[in-house]
Amino acid sequence: MGTLPTFVRKTFAGVVLTALTASASSQAWPSKPITLIVPFAAGGPTDVVARTLAATMAKSLGQTVVVENKLGAGGTLAAGYVMKAAPDG
């Protein structure tokens, strides 16, 4: 008898989460190109991984993903660039 309320609660939670996911995925995001900042030089292993990731992201999101290399100071310059970027979502 005690399992029925637990089952009902879990089912209700599942339905709510499904509805929230469906409404979130129906929004047009991202609506503009995505910039992926790489804190290392172009052509290195990190850059190759970032470009592979960008291609996969572009295919699944349906949006252009630009890889931008910001090298210097062990990644500090790239972190500062990202920190100062305009928040857009």
Protein backbone atom coordinates (compact mmCIF):
# COMPACT_ATOMS: atom_id res chain seq x y z
CA MET A 1 0.00 0.00 0.00
CA GLY A 2 2.91 2.35 0.72
CA THR A 3 4.40 1.75 -2.73
CA LEU A 4 1.50 3.25 -4.68
CA PRO A 5 2.10 6.83 -3.50
CA THR A 6 5.83 6.46 -4.29
CA PHE A 7 5.00 5.14 -7.75
CA VAL A 8 2.57 7.99 -8.36
CA ARG A 9 5.12 10.58 -7.19
CA LYS A 10 7.84 9.15 -9.43
CA THR A 11 5.49 9.00 -12.41
CA PHE A 12 4.37 12.57 -11.83
CA ALA A 13 7.99 13.74 -11.53
CA GLY A 14 8.83 11.96 -14.79
CA VAL A 15 5.93 13.59 -16.61
CA VAL A 16 6.90 17.05 -15.30
CA LEU A 17 10.55 16.59 -16.31
CA THR A 18 9.52 15.40 -19.77
CA ALA A 19 7.28 18.43 -20.23
CA LEU A 20 10.02 20.81 -19.09
CA THR A 21 12.55 19.20 -21.41
CA ALA A 22 10.16 19.39 -24.35
CA SER A 23 9.45 23.07 -23.77
CA ALA A 24 13.13 23.89 -23.32
CA SER A 25 14.14 22.09 -26.50
CA SER A 26 11.48 23.89 -28.55
CA GLN A 27 13.20 27.23 -27.98
CA ALA A 28 15.41 28.53 -30.80
CA TRP A 29 18.77 28.23 -29.09
CA PRO A 30 21.39 28.96 -30.16
CA SER A 31 20.23 31.73 -32.45
CA LYS A 32 23.69 32.92 -33.51
CA PRO A 33 27.14 31.37 -34.08
CA ILE A 34 28.98 29.94 -31.08
CA THR A 35 32.62 30.87 -30.43
CA LEU A 36 34.76 28.17 -28.82
CA ILE A 37 37.90 29.68 -27.27
CA VAL A 38 41.03 27.50 -27.25
CA PRO A 39 43.84 28.75 -24.98
CA PHE A 40 46.60 27.12 -27.04
CA ALA A 41 48.20 27.50 -30.47
CA ALA A 42 46.48 26.38 -33.65
CA GLY A 43 47.57 22.97 -34.92
CA GLY A 44 48.29 21.46 -31.52
CA PRO A 45 46.45 18.52 -29.96
CA THR A 46 44.09 20.77 -27.98
CA ASP A 47 43.17 22.65 -31.15
CA VAL A 48 42.52 19.41 -33.04
CA VAL A 49 40.22 18.16 -30.26
CA ALA A 50 38.43 21.55 -30.14
CA ARG A 51 37.86 21.54 -33.91
CA THR A 52 36.52 17.97 -33.80
CA LEU A 53 34.21 18.97 -30.94
CA ALA A 54 33.13 22.09 -32.85
CA ALA A 55 32.18 20.03 -35.91
CA THR A 56 30.11 17.66 -33.76
CA MET A 57 28.45 20.56 -31.93
CA ALA A 58 27.63 22.32 -35.21
CA LYS A 59 26.02 19.19 -36.60
CA SER A 60 23.89 18.48 -33.52
CA LEU A 61 22.93 22.11 -32.77
CA GLY A 62 22.43 23.22 -36.37
CA GLN A 63 24.53 26.32 -35.75
CA THR A 64 28.01 27.44 -36.81
CA VAL A 65 30.73 26.89 -34.21
CA VAL A 66 33.84 29.05 -34.63
CA VAL A 67 37.10 27.93 -33.00
CA GLU A 68 39.20 30.89 -31.91
CA ASN A 69 42.73 30.39 -30.58
CA LYS A 70 43.78 32.86 -27.85
CA LEU A 71 47.21 31.72 -26.77
CA GLY A 72 49.53 33.26 -24.22
CA ALA A 73 50.32 33.31 -20.51
CA GLY A 74 49.41 29.65 -20.04
CA GLY A 75 45.74 30.18 -20.85
CA THR A 76 45.31 33.32 -18.74
CA LEU A 77 44.74 35.56 -21.76
CA ALA A 78 42.01 33.25 -23.07
CA ALA A 79 40.36 33.12 -19.64
CA GLY A 80 40.42 36.92 -19.46
CA TYR A 81 38.91 37.14 -22.94
CA VAL A 82 36.06 34.82 -21.96
CA MET A 83 35.57 36.63 -18.66
CA LYS A 84 35.18 39.99 -20.42
CA ALA A 85 32.92 38.65 -23.18
CA ALA A 86 29.38 39.96 -23.31
CA PRO A 87 26.93 37.55 -21.65
CA ASP A 88 24.58 36.29 -24.31
CA GLY A 89 22.85 33.31 -22.91
